[in-house]
Amino acid sequence: MNSKILHIGPMPPPLGGISVYLYRLSRSNNDSSVGFVNENNLNGIGFIKLIFLNSDKTFIYHSPSMMKRIALLFSKIFRGNKYIIVSHGEGLQNSYKNSNFIMKFLLKITIFKSEYIQVVGSHLVKFLLNLGLENDKIIVKNAFLPPVLCDEESILKTYPPEIFDFISKKDKLLVANASSLVFYKNTDLYGLDICIELTAKLKNVYPNLGFIFALANEKVNTEYIDKMRLRIKELNLEENFYFLTGQKELWPIFKKASLMIRPTNTDGDALSIREALYFKCPAIASDVCDRPTGTILFKNRNLDDLYDKTKRVLDAM
C-alpha cells in the first residue's frame, strides 16, 4: 500500500451507518495518499499484521471494537504508529462505562495517545472532556456524506416489486428504519412498536396513509417481530404498514416520502435523518440526543406528542 493514511472500518455489505459512510468517502476520494481497508476482510491476526507492518502510516479507525483500539495503542508504543479514532455513535462512551478497571485504564490511554478523537455530535464531547482530554484534541463532525446518485438504479433493483405498488397507492407515506430489532433498557430501541401505534392513530385521519419500516436484519428477535405483525393485524393495518426487509439503501424512498420518523430511545448521529433532510423530506425524531438542524423533536416514547407533531406536518402538506 502506497497510501500514507489508511481508513479502517467496515465496507458494505452489510449496510450500516459506518459502512455506508466509508463507501461514500472512498467513492469521493481522489487523493492517492489516502487508502481504505475493509475491516470485514480482516480477522484479528490480519488486523494486527496490518498495523504493525505499516509503521509509516496514519490509521483512522472507525469501528467500536475495544480490542482493536487497544491494538492501535500498542502499535504506537512499539512501532510509533499514529492513529485517529472516529466514534460514529455512543460506542466509545458506552465501552468505557461498561468496562472493568483495567479496560477503562487501557481505553483511556488509547484515547489520550490518539492524534485526536472525531465524534459525530457535541453531546459526546462532555464525556471526553470529563476524562481529561484537551479540547483541541476533539473534533466534532457529522458522519453524513451525500448519496452516490448514480447508484439509484441499482438500488431500486434490490427492492421487491410490491413496494412500488404500495407507494403508488398511498396519499401520505411515512418511513422509519432499523438495522435489527433490539432492546435498550427493556424497550424497543428503534421504536417499531410506537410506529405501529402511530399508524393506527393516523389512519383515523388519513385512511390511505402508508408506513414503510425498513428492517435490515429480520432474523434477530423473530418472536418480537411476530408479535408486532400480530399487532398490525389486530389494528387492521395490513394495507397500511409495509416491512422492507434485507440489506437495502433507503434514500431513494426518501425522495418520495412525506415524512421520516426516528423514534429511537437512544441514538448517535443517525444517517437516515440526514439523508431524509438532504432530499427535503421532513424528519421527526425522539429527543434523546442532539439531532441535525431542521429535525422536529418529540418527547421520547410519548405517542401523543409524536402523533401531534406528525399530524401537524402532514396537515401542512
C-alpha atoms as a PDB file:
ATOM      1  CA  MET A   1       0.000   0.000   0.000  1.00  0.00           C
ATOM      2  CA  ASN A   2       1.434   3.363  -1.052  1.00  0.00           C
ATOM      3  CA  SER A   3      -1.130   5.385   0.867  1.00  0.00           C
ATOM      4  CA  LYS A   4       0.106   7.347   3.854  1.00  0.00           C
ATOM      5  CA  ILE A   5      -3.315   7.476   5.503  1.00  0.00           C
ATOM      6  CA  LEU A   6      -5.475   4.382   5.889  1.00  0.00           C
ATOM      7  CA  HIS A   7      -9.128   4.468   6.881  1.00  0.00           C
ATOM      8  CA  ILE A   8     -10.037   1.166   8.542  1.00  0.00           C
ATOM      9  CA  GLY A   9     -13.628   0.074   9.058  1.00  0.00           C
ATOM     10  CA  PRO A  10     -16.441  -1.986   7.577  1.00  0.00           C
ATOM     11  CA  MET A  11     -17.480  -1.559   3.967  1.00  0.00           C
ATOM     12  CA  PRO A  12     -20.772  -2.837   2.508  1.00  0.00           C
ATOM     13  CA  PRO A  13     -22.082  -5.437   2.775  1.00  0.00           C
ATOM     14  CA  PRO A  14     -23.634  -5.311   5.273  1.00  0.00           C
ATOM     15  CA  LEU A  15     -25.104  -1.838   5.115  1.00  0.00           C
ATOM     16  CA  GLY A  16     -24.791   0.293   8.229  1.00  0.00           C
ATOM     17  CA  GLY A  17     -24.045   3.847   9.226  1.00  0.00           C
ATOM     18  CA  ILE A  18     -20.270   3.335   9.304  1.00  0.00           C
ATOM     19  CA  SER A  19     -20.021   1.112   6.238  1.00  0.00           C
ATOM     20  CA  VAL A  20     -22.157   3.440   4.097  1.00  0.00           C
ATOM     21  CA  TYR A  21     -20.099   6.434   5.252  1.00  0.00           C
ATOM     22  CA  LEU A  22     -16.819   4.751   4.332  1.00  0.00           C
ATOM     23  CA  TYR A  23     -18.197   3.574   0.993  1.00  0.00           C
ATOM     24  CA  ARG A  24     -19.246   7.119   0.085  1.00  0.00           C
ATOM     25  CA  LEU A  25     -15.987   8.556   1.399  1.00  0.00           C
ATOM     26  CA  SER A  26     -13.979   6.130  -0.721  1.00  0.00           C
ATOM     27  CA  ARG A  27     -16.067   6.948  -3.808  1.00  0.00           C
ATOM     28  CA  SER A  28     -15.476  10.676  -3.349  1.00  0.00           C
ATOM     29  CA  ASN A  29     -11.752  10.327  -2.596  1.00  0.00           C
ATOM     30  CA  ASN A  30      -9.300  11.439  -5.286  1.00  0.00           C
ATOM     31  CA  ASP A  31      -6.208  11.568  -3.079  1.00  0.00           C
ATOM     32  CA  SER A  32      -3.767   8.727  -3.761  1.00  0.00           C
ATOM     33  CA  SER A  33      -2.203   9.237  -0.328  1.00  0.00           C
ATOM     34  CA  VAL A  34      -5.470   8.131   1.307  1.00  0.00           C
ATOM     35  CA  GLY A  35      -6.466   4.475   1.264  1.00  0.00           C
ATOM     36  CA  PHE A  36      -9.285   2.333   2.623  1.00  0.00           C
ATOM     37  CA  VAL A  37      -9.205  -1.104   4.251  1.00  0.00           C
ATOM     38  CA  ASN A  38     -12.350  -3.163   4.616  1.00  0.00           C
ATOM     39  CA  GLU A  39     -12.294  -4.460   8.176  1.00  0.00           C
ATOM     40  CA  ASN A  40     -14.750  -7.205   7.240  1.00  0.00           C
ATOM     41  CA  ASN A  41     -11.931  -8.912   5.352  1.00  0.00           C
ATOM     42  CA  LEU A  42      -9.579  -8.915   8.354  1.00  0.00           C
ATOM     43  CA  ASN A  43      -9.528 -11.344  11.256  1.00  0.00           C
ATOM     44  CA  GLY A  44      -7.752 -10.384  14.469  1.00  0.00           C
ATOM     45  CA  ILE A  45      -4.344 -11.554  13.261  1.00  0.00           C
ATOM     46  CA  GLY A  46      -4.842  -9.791   9.941  1.00  0.00           C
ATOM     47  CA  PHE A  47      -5.625  -6.529  11.719  1.00  0.00           C
ATOM     48  CA  ILE A  48      -2.505  -6.800  13.891  1.00  0.00           C
ATOM     49  CA  LYS A  49      -0.311  -7.569  10.856  1.00  0.00           C
ATOM     50  CA  LEU A  50      -1.757  -4.572   9.014  1.00  0.00           C
ATOM     51  CA  ILE A  51      -0.966  -2.046  11.718  1.00  0.00           C
ATOM     52  CA  PHE A  52       2.367  -3.481  12.885  1.00  0.00           C
ATOM     53  CA  LEU A  53       3.786  -3.894   9.353  1.00  0.00           C
ATOM     54  CA  ASN A  54       2.855  -0.361   8.290  1.00  0.00           C
ATOM     55  CA  SER A  55       4.513   1.895  10.833  1.00  0.00           C
ATOM     56  CA  ASP A  56       4.882   4.673   8.251  1.00  0.00           C
ATOM     57  CA  LYS A  57       1.117   5.175   8.015  1.00  0.00           C
ATOM     58  CA  THR A  58      -1.508   7.059   9.985  1.00  0.00           C
ATOM     59  CA  PHE A  59      -4.530   4.897  10.742  1.00  0.00           C
ATOM     60  CA  ILE A  60      -8.023   6.328  11.019  1.00  0.00           C
ATOM     61  CA  TYR A  61     -10.124   3.739  12.817  1.00  0.00           C
ATOM     62  CA  HIS A  62     -13.911   3.901  12.517  1.00  0.00           C
ATOM     63  CA  SER A  63     -15.229   0.818  14.337  1.00  0.00           C
ATOM     64  CA  PRO A  64     -16.248   0.450  18.011  1.00  0.00           C
ATOM     65  CA  SER A  65     -14.014  -2.579  18.741  1.00  0.00           C
ATOM     66  CA  MET A  66     -12.270  -2.081  22.087  1.00  0.00           C
ATOM     67  CA  MET A  67      -9.608  -4.695  21.389  1.00  0.00           C
ATOM     68  CA  LYS A  68      -8.619  -3.201  18.055  1.00  0.00           C
ATOM     69  CA  ARG A  69      -8.348   0.254  19.565  1.00  0.00           C
ATOM     70  CA  ILE A  70      -6.061  -1.212  22.197  1.00  0.00           C
ATOM     71  CA  ALA A  71      -4.051  -2.904  19.433  1.00  0.00           C
ATOM     72  CA  LEU A  72      -3.604   0.517  17.839  1.00  0.00           C
ATOM     73  CA  LEU A  73      -2.305   1.815  21.174  1.00  0.00           C
ATOM     74  CA  PHE A  74       0.338  -0.934  21.359  1.00  0.00           C
ATOM     75  CA  SER A  75       1.304  -0.351  17.732  1.00  0.00           C
ATOM     76  CA  LYS A  76       2.039   3.262  18.638  1.00  0.00           C
ATOM     77  CA  ILE A  77       4.052   2.273  21.708  1.00  0.00           C
ATOM     78  CA  PHE A  78       6.161  -0.366  19.937  1.00  0.00           C
ATOM     79  CA  ARG A  79       6.138   0.804  16.298  1.00  0.00           C
ATOM     80  CA  GLY A  80       5.486   4.522  16.501  1.00  0.00           C
ATOM     81  CA  ASN A  81       2.239   4.385  14.534  1.00  0.00           C
ATOM     82  CA  LYS A  82      -0.075   7.359  14.554  1.00  0.00           C
ATOM     83  CA  TYR A  83      -3.789   6.745  14.819  1.00  0.00           C
ATOM     84  CA  ILE A  84      -7.048   8.654  14.944  1.00  0.00           C
ATOM     85  CA  ILE A  85     -10.285   7.341  16.432  1.00  0.00           C
ATOM     86  CA  VAL A  86     -13.599   8.205  14.817  1.00  0.00           C
ATOM     87  CA  SER A  87     -16.579   7.474  17.066  1.00  0.00           C
ATOM     88  CA  HIS A  88     -19.757   7.320  14.976  1.00  0.00           C
ATOM     89  CA  GLY A  89     -22.126   6.986  17.924  1.00  0.00           C
ATOM     90  CA  GLU A  90     -22.234   6.160  21.619  1.00  0.00           C
ATOM     91  CA  GLY A  91     -19.846   3.203  21.275  1.00  0.00           C
ATOM     92  CA  LEU A  92     -16.747   4.887  22.719  1.00  0.00           C
ATOM     93  CA  GLN A  93     -18.613   6.223  25.724  1.00  0.00           C
ATOM     94  CA  ASN A  94     -20.565   3.014  26.346  1.00  0.00           C
ATOM     95  CA  SER A  95     -17.448   0.831  26.024  1.00  0.00           C
ATOM     96  CA  TYR A  96     -15.746   2.856  28.721  1.00  0.00           C
ATOM     97  CA  LYS A  97     -18.732   2.906  31.081  1.00  0.00           C
ATOM     98  CA  ASN A  98     -19.303  -0.848  30.773  1.00  0.00           C
ATOM     99  CA  SER A  99     -15.670  -1.897  31.236  1.00  0.00           C
ATOM    100  CA  ASN A 100     -13.782  -3.073  34.301  1.00  0.00           C
ATOM    101  CA  PHE A 101     -10.994  -1.026  35.871  1.00  0.00           C
ATOM    102  CA  ILE A 102      -8.206  -2.451  33.709  1.00  0.00           C
ATOM    103  CA  MET A 103     -10.103  -1.985  30.450  1.00  0.00           C
ATOM    104  CA  LYS A 104     -11.102   1.536  31.455  1.00  0.00           C
ATOM    105  CA  PHE A 105      -7.444   2.345  32.054  1.00  0.00           C
ATOM    106  CA  LEU A 106      -6.393   0.951  28.672  1.00  0.00           C
ATOM    107  CA  LEU A 107      -9.225   2.675  26.821  1.00  0.00           C
ATOM    108  CA  LYS A 108      -8.402   5.977  28.473  1.00  0.00           C
ATOM    109  CA  ILE A 109      -4.760   5.667  27.426  1.00  0.00           C
ATOM    110  CA  THR A 110      -5.940   4.717  23.919  1.00  0.00           C
ATOM    111  CA  ILE A 111      -7.922   7.947  23.756  1.00  0.00           C
ATOM    112  CA  PHE A 112      -5.088  10.104  25.108  1.00  0.00           C
ATOM    113  CA  LYS A 113      -2.458   8.599  22.783  1.00  0.00           C
ATOM    114  CA  SER A 114      -4.516   9.167  19.625  1.00  0.00           C
ATOM    115  CA  GLU A 115      -3.718  12.145  17.419  1.00  0.00           C
ATOM    116  CA  TYR A 116      -7.280  13.285  18.007  1.00  0.00           C
ATOM    117  CA  ILE A 117     -10.777  11.907  18.522  1.00  0.00           C
ATOM    118  CA  GLN A 118     -13.503  12.657  15.989  1.00  0.00           C
ATOM    119  CA  VAL A 119     -17.072  12.429  17.281  1.00  0.00           C
ATOM    120  CA  VAL A 120     -20.345  12.936  15.443  1.00  0.00           C
ATOM    121  CA  GLY A 121     -22.098  15.180  17.968  1.00  0.00           C
ATOM    122  CA  SER A 122     -21.371  17.765  20.647  1.00  0.00           C
ATOM    123  CA  HIS A 123     -23.155  15.591  23.227  1.00  0.00           C
ATOM    124  CA  LEU A 124     -20.147  13.239  23.088  1.00  0.00           C
ATOM    125  CA  VAL A 125     -17.621  15.981  23.828  1.00  0.00           C
ATOM    126  CA  LYS A 126     -18.553  16.239  27.518  1.00  0.00           C
ATOM    127  CA  PHE A 127     -17.579  12.610  28.106  1.00  0.00           C
ATOM    128  CA  LEU A 128     -14.127  13.169  26.605  1.00  0.00           C
ATOM    129  CA  LEU A 129     -13.556  16.409  28.497  1.00  0.00           C
ATOM    130  CA  ASN A 130     -14.544  14.689  31.742  1.00  0.00           C
ATOM    131  CA  LEU A 131     -11.831  12.110  31.062  1.00  0.00           C
ATOM    132  CA  GLY A 132      -9.342  14.969  30.913  1.00  0.00           C
ATOM    133  CA  LEU A 133      -8.811  15.097  27.154  1.00  0.00           C
ATOM    134  CA  GLU A 134      -7.880  18.540  25.913  1.00  0.00           C
ATOM    135  CA  ASN A 135     -10.474  20.320  23.820  1.00  0.00           C
ATOM    136  CA  ASP A 136      -8.084  20.815  20.895  1.00  0.00           C
ATOM    137  CA  LYS A 137      -7.827  17.027  20.512  1.00  0.00           C
ATOM    138  CA  ILE A 138     -11.571  16.703  19.907  1.00  0.00           C
ATOM    139  CA  ILE A 139     -13.174  17.293  16.516  1.00  0.00           C
ATOM    140  CA  VAL A 140     -16.951  17.347  16.100  1.00  0.00           C
ATOM    141  CA  LYS A 141     -18.024  16.380  12.595  1.00  0.00           C
ATOM    142  CA  ASN A 142     -21.191  14.659  11.467  1.00  0.00           C
ATOM    143  CA  ALA A 143     -20.766  11.429   9.520  1.00  0.00           C
ATOM    144  CA  PHE A 144     -23.030  12.296   6.620  1.00  0.00           C
ATOM    145  CA  LEU A 145     -21.895  12.272   3.029  1.00  0.00           C
ATOM    146  CA  PRO A 146     -24.376  12.731   0.168  1.00  0.00           C
ATOM    147  CA  PRO A 147     -25.534   9.518  -1.513  1.00  0.00           C
ATOM    148  CA  VAL A 148     -23.907   8.408  -4.735  1.00  0.00           C
ATOM    149  CA  LEU A 149     -26.798   9.328  -7.019  1.00  0.00           C
ATOM    150  CA  CYS A 150     -25.657   7.168  -9.900  1.00  0.00           C
ATOM    151  CA  ASP A 151     -26.284   4.140  -7.645  1.00  0.00           C
ATOM    152  CA  GLU A 152     -30.037   4.771  -7.544  1.00  0.00           C
ATOM    153  CA  GLU A 153     -30.979   2.488 -10.422  1.00  0.00           C
ATOM    154  CA  SER A 154     -29.072  -0.458  -8.970  1.00  0.00           C
ATOM    155  CA  ILE A 155     -30.541   0.207  -5.512  1.00  0.00           C
ATOM    156  CA  LEU A 156     -34.099   0.218  -6.860  1.00  0.00           C
ATOM    157  CA  LYS A 157     -33.457  -3.196  -8.415  1.00  0.00           C
ATOM    158  CA  THR A 158     -32.913  -4.589  -4.918  1.00  0.00           C
ATOM    159  CA  TYR A 159     -36.474  -3.613  -3.889  1.00  0.00           C
ATOM    160  CA  PRO A 160     -39.320  -6.121  -4.208  1.00  0.00           C
ATOM    161  CA  PRO A 161     -41.913  -5.179  -6.871  1.00  0.00           C
ATOM    162  CA  GLU A 162     -44.686  -4.940  -4.263  1.00  0.00           C
ATOM    163  CA  ILE A 163     -43.169  -1.879  -2.630  1.00  0.00           C
ATOM    164  CA  PHE A 164     -43.638   0.227  -5.748  1.00  0.00           C
ATOM    165  CA  ASP A 165     -47.302  -0.759  -5.844  1.00  0.00           C
ATOM    166  CA  PHE A 166     -47.624   0.063  -2.134  1.00  0.00           C
ATOM    167  CA  ILE A 167     -46.067   3.516  -2.590  1.00  0.00           C
ATOM    168  CA  SER A 168     -48.147   4.361  -5.672  1.00  0.00           C
ATOM    169  CA  LYS A 169     -51.417   3.740  -3.835  1.00  0.00           C
ATOM    170  CA  LYS A 170     -50.715   5.906  -0.761  1.00  0.00           C
ATOM    171  CA  ASP A 171     -51.617   9.562  -0.290  1.00  0.00           C
ATOM    172  CA  LYS A 172     -49.176  10.034   2.599  1.00  0.00           C
ATOM    173  CA  LEU A 173     -46.015   7.981   3.087  1.00  0.00           C
ATOM    174  CA  LEU A 174     -44.040   7.654   6.334  1.00  0.00           C
ATOM    175  CA  VAL A 175     -40.690   5.867   6.638  1.00  0.00           C
ATOM    176  CA  ALA A 176     -38.629   4.525   9.537  1.00  0.00           C
ATOM    177  CA  ASN A 177     -35.760   2.059   9.702  1.00  0.00           C
ATOM    178  CA  ALA A 178     -33.774  -0.266  11.938  1.00  0.00           C
ATOM    179  CA  SER A 179     -30.709  -2.416  11.479  1.00  0.00           C
ATOM    180  CA  SER A 180     -32.316  -5.098  13.664  1.00  0.00           C
ATOM    181  CA  LEU A 181     -34.929  -5.238  16.394  1.00  0.00           C
ATOM    182  CA  VAL A 182     -33.007  -4.952  19.647  1.00  0.00           C
ATOM    183  CA  PHE A 183     -33.808  -3.583  23.070  1.00  0.00           C
ATOM    184  CA  TYR A 184     -32.301  -0.808  25.155  1.00  0.00           C
ATOM    185  CA  LYS A 185     -33.320  -0.720  28.817  1.00  0.00           C
ATOM    186  CA  ASN A 186     -36.003  -3.319  28.046  1.00  0.00           C
ATOM    187  CA  THR A 187     -37.592  -1.098  25.389  1.00  0.00           C
ATOM    188  CA  ASP A 188     -37.715  -1.480  21.608  1.00  0.00           C
ATOM    189  CA  LEU A 189     -34.667   0.605  20.648  1.00  0.00           C
ATOM    190  CA  TYR A 190     -35.817   1.564  17.161  1.00  0.00           C
ATOM    191  CA  GLY A 191     -39.452   2.054  18.149  1.00  0.00           C
ATOM    192  CA  LEU A 192     -41.224  -0.347  15.796  1.00  0.00           C
ATOM    193  CA  ASP A 193     -43.968  -0.668  18.398  1.00  0.00           C
ATOM    194  CA  ILE A 194     -44.616   3.069  18.557  1.00  0.00           C
ATOM    195  CA  CYS A 195     -44.547   3.292  14.737  1.00  0.00           C
ATOM    196  CA  ILE A 196     -47.361   0.748  14.557  1.00  0.00           C
ATOM    197  CA  GLU A 197     -49.436   2.567  17.184  1.00  0.00           C
ATOM    198  CA  LEU A 198     -48.792   5.870  15.397  1.00  0.00           C
ATOM    199  CA  THR A 199     -50.037   4.398  12.121  1.00  0.00           C
ATOM    200  CA  ALA A 200     -53.235   3.225  13.808  1.00  0.00           C
ATOM    201  CA  LYS A 201     -53.944   6.702  15.180  1.00  0.00           C
ATOM    202  CA  LEU A 202     -53.124   8.421  11.893  1.00  0.00           C
ATOM    203  CA  LYS A 203     -55.290   6.035   9.894  1.00  0.00           C
ATOM    204  CA  ASN A 204     -58.361   7.561  11.567  1.00  0.00           C
ATOM    205  CA  VAL A 205     -57.479  10.857   9.855  1.00  0.00           C
ATOM    206  CA  TYR A 206     -55.674   9.588   6.742  1.00  0.00           C
ATOM    207  CA  PRO A 207     -57.260   6.226   5.755  1.00  0.00           C
ATOM    208  CA  ASN A 208     -54.933   5.890   2.773  1.00  0.00           C
ATOM    209  CA  LEU A 209     -51.722   6.513   4.711  1.00  0.00           C
ATOM    210  CA  GLY A 210     -48.766   4.157   4.268  1.00  0.00           C
ATOM    211  CA  PHE A 211     -45.877   3.398   6.610  1.00  0.00           C
ATOM    212  CA  ILE A 212     -42.703   1.676   5.380  1.00  0.00           C
ATOM    213  CA  PHE A 213     -40.496   0.195   8.089  1.00  0.00           C
ATOM    214  CA  ALA A 214     -37.128  -0.852   6.683  1.00  0.00           C
ATOM    215  CA  LEU A 215     -35.558  -3.694   8.649  1.00  0.00           C
ATOM    216  CA  ALA A 216     -32.105  -4.758   7.524  1.00  0.00           C
ATOM    217  CA  ASN A 217     -31.914  -7.945   9.608  1.00  0.00           C
ATOM    218  CA  GLU A 218     -35.233  -9.665  10.280  1.00  0.00           C
ATOM    219  CA  LYS A 219     -33.604 -12.761  11.785  1.00  0.00           C
ATOM    220  CA  VAL A 220     -32.954 -11.059  15.122  1.00  0.00           C
ATOM    221  CA  ASN A 221     -35.719 -11.287  17.756  1.00  0.00           C
ATOM    222  CA  THR A 222     -38.085 -13.119  15.420  1.00  0.00           C
ATOM    223  CA  GLU A 223     -40.566 -13.703  18.247  1.00  0.00           C
ATOM    224  CA  TYR A 224     -40.850  -9.967  18.767  1.00  0.00           C
ATOM    225  CA  ILE A 225     -41.325  -9.380  15.038  1.00  0.00           C
ATOM    226  CA  ASP A 226     -44.108 -11.986  15.018  1.00  0.00           C
ATOM    227  CA  LYS A 227     -45.694 -10.181  17.968  1.00  0.00           C
ATOM    228  CA  MET A 228     -45.574  -6.881  16.089  1.00  0.00           C
ATOM    229  CA  ARG A 229     -47.027  -8.466  12.947  1.00  0.00           C
ATOM    230  CA  LEU A 230     -49.889  -9.761  15.073  1.00  0.00           C
ATOM    231  CA  ARG A 231     -50.405  -6.267  16.460  1.00  0.00           C
ATOM    232  CA  ILE A 232     -50.588  -4.918  12.896  1.00  0.00           C
ATOM    233  CA  LYS A 233     -53.281  -7.457  12.134  1.00  0.00           C
ATOM    234  CA  GLU A 234     -55.197  -6.634  15.330  1.00  0.00           C
ATOM    235  CA  LEU A 235     -55.238  -2.965  14.360  1.00  0.00           C
ATOM    236  CA  ASN A 236     -56.304  -3.769  10.778  1.00  0.00           C
ATOM    237  CA  LEU A 237     -53.171  -2.178   9.331  1.00  0.00           C
ATOM    238  CA  GLU A 238     -52.146  -4.836   6.813  1.00  0.00           C
ATOM    239  CA  GLU A 239     -52.839  -2.435   3.930  1.00  0.00           C
ATOM    240  CA  ASN A 240     -51.091   0.464   5.638  1.00  0.00           C
ATOM    241  CA  PHE A 241     -47.895  -0.977   7.114  1.00  0.00           C
ATOM    242  CA  TYR A 242     -45.133  -2.469   4.954  1.00  0.00           C
ATOM    243  CA  PHE A 243     -41.900  -4.157   6.033  1.00  0.00           C
ATOM    244  CA  LEU A 244     -38.974  -3.639   3.662  1.00  0.00           C
ATOM    245  CA  THR A 245     -36.502  -6.295   4.787  1.00  0.00           C
ATOM    246  CA  GLY A 246     -32.933  -7.068   3.870  1.00  0.00           C
ATOM    247  CA  GLN A 247     -29.784  -5.098   3.141  1.00  0.00           C
ATOM    248  CA  LYS A 248     -31.079  -2.151   1.121  1.00  0.00           C
ATOM    249  CA  GLU A 249     -30.188   1.522   0.961  1.00  0.00           C
ATOM    250  CA  LEU A 250     -33.200   3.622   1.846  1.00  0.00           C
ATOM    251  CA  TRP A 251     -32.515   7.053   0.398  1.00  0.00           C
ATOM    252  CA  PRO A 252     -34.419   6.589  -2.906  1.00  0.00           C
ATOM    253  CA  ILE A 253     -37.605   6.203  -0.827  1.00  0.00           C
ATOM    254  CA  PHE A 254     -36.939   9.488   0.984  1.00  0.00           C
ATOM    255  CA  LYS A 255     -37.311  11.189  -2.380  1.00  0.00           C
ATOM    256  CA  LYS A 256     -40.964  10.042  -2.419  1.00  0.00           C
ATOM    257  CA  ALA A 257     -41.810  10.055   1.319  1.00  0.00           C
ATOM    258  CA  SER A 258     -43.952  12.602   3.153  1.00  0.00           C
ATOM    259  CA  LEU A 259     -42.103  12.189   6.438  1.00  0.00           C
ATOM    260  CA  MET A 260     -39.274  10.265   8.070  1.00  0.00           C
ATOM    261  CA  ILE A 261     -39.685   9.043  11.666  1.00  0.00           C
ATOM    262  CA  ARG A 262     -36.777   8.243  14.028  1.00  0.00           C
ATOM    263  CA  PRO A 263     -38.323   7.098  17.352  1.00  0.00           C
ATOM    264  CA  THR A 264     -35.166   5.600  18.898  1.00  0.00           C
ATOM    265  CA  ASN A 265     -34.790   5.621  22.684  1.00  0.00           C
ATOM    266  CA  THR A 266     -31.029   6.121  22.419  1.00  0.00           C
ATOM    267  CA  ASP A 267     -29.017   7.234  19.401  1.00  0.00           C
ATOM    268  CA  GLY A 268     -25.903   8.706  17.883  1.00  0.00           C
ATOM    269  CA  ASP A 269     -25.793  10.668  14.643  1.00  0.00           C
ATOM    270  CA  ALA A 270     -28.485   8.991  12.550  1.00  0.00           C
ATOM    271  CA  LEU A 271     -27.564   8.730   8.870  1.00  0.00           C
ATOM    272  CA  SER A 272     -31.214   8.200   7.928  1.00  0.00           C
ATOM    273  CA  ILE A 273     -32.239  11.596   9.338  1.00  0.00           C
ATOM    274  CA  ARG A 274     -29.555  13.412   7.389  1.00  0.00           C
ATOM    275  CA  GLU A 275     -30.437  11.526   4.216  1.00  0.00           C
ATOM    276  CA  ALA A 276     -34.105  12.439   4.586  1.00  0.00           C
ATOM    277  CA  LEU A 277     -33.341  16.114   5.157  1.00  0.00           C
ATOM    278  CA  TYR A 278     -30.908  16.099   2.224  1.00  0.00           C
ATOM    279  CA  PHE A 279     -33.794  15.097  -0.042  1.00  0.00           C
ATOM    280  CA  LYS A 280     -36.159  17.702   1.519  1.00  0.00           C
ATOM    281  CA  CYS A 281     -38.130  15.036   3.374  1.00  0.00           C
ATOM    282  CA  PRO A 282     -39.177  16.317   6.833  1.00  0.00           C
ATOM    283  CA  ALA A 283     -37.876  14.310   9.790  1.00  0.00           C
ATOM    284  CA  ILE A 284     -39.294  13.816  13.278  1.00  0.00           C
ATOM    285  CA  ALA A 285     -37.080  12.220  15.926  1.00  0.00           C
ATOM    286  CA  SER A 286     -37.032  11.474  19.637  1.00  0.00           C
ATOM    287  CA  ASP A 287     -35.304  13.993  21.886  1.00  0.00           C
ATOM    288  CA  VAL A 288     -32.729  11.527  23.244  1.00  0.00           C
ATOM    289  CA  CYS A 289     -29.677  13.296  21.801  1.00  0.00           C
ATOM    290  CA  ASP A 290     -28.582  16.155  19.567  1.00  0.00           C
ATOM    291  CA  ARG A 291     -30.309  15.970  16.191  1.00  0.00           C
ATOM    292  CA  PRO A 292     -29.441  17.616  12.866  1.00  0.00           C
ATOM    293  CA  THR A 293     -30.701  21.139  12.337  1.00  0.00           C
ATOM    294  CA  GLY A 294     -34.197  21.043  10.895  1.00  0.00           C
ATOM    295  CA  THR A 295     -35.272  17.879  12.737  1.00  0.00           C
ATOM    296  CA  ILE A 296     -38.579  18.119  14.591  1.00  0.00           C
ATOM    297  CA  LEU A 297     -38.265  16.648  18.092  1.00  0.00           C
ATOM    298  CA  PHE A 298     -40.839  14.751  20.106  1.00  0.00           C
ATOM    299  CA  LYS A 299     -40.722  13.531  23.697  1.00  0.00           C
ATOM    300  CA  ASN A 300     -39.110  10.099  23.818  1.00  0.00           C
ATOM    301  CA  ARG A 301     -41.649   7.234  23.866  1.00  0.00           C
ATOM    302  CA  ASN A 302     -44.541   9.704  24.037  1.00  0.00           C
ATOM    303  CA  LEU A 303     -47.032   8.534  21.414  1.00  0.00           C
ATOM    304  CA  ASP A 304     -49.361  11.512  21.850  1.00  0.00           C
ATOM    305  CA  ASP A 305     -46.561  14.016  21.272  1.00  0.00           C
ATOM    306  CA  LEU A 306     -45.309  12.052  18.256  1.00  0.00           C
ATOM    307  CA  TYR A 307     -48.848  11.934  16.844  1.00  0.00           C
ATOM    308  CA  ASP A 308     -49.371  15.672  17.326  1.00  0.00           C
ATOM    309  CA  LYS A 309     -46.061  16.564  15.658  1.00  0.00           C
ATOM    310  CA  THR A 310     -46.652  14.122  12.790  1.00  0.00           C
ATOM    311  CA  LYS A 311     -50.203  15.292  12.143  1.00  0.00           C
ATOM    312  CA  ARG A 312     -49.060  18.912  12.125  1.00  0.00           C
ATOM    313  CA  VAL A 313     -46.534  18.138   9.369  1.00  0.00           C
ATOM    314  CA  LEU A 314     -48.945  16.057   7.309  1.00  0.00           C
ATOM    315  CA  ASP A 315     -51.745  18.631   7.632  1.00  0.00           C
ATOM    316  CA  ALA A 316     -49.435  21.299   6.233  1.00  0.00           C
ATOM    317  CA  MET A 317     -48.780  19.318   3.056  1.00  0.00           C
END
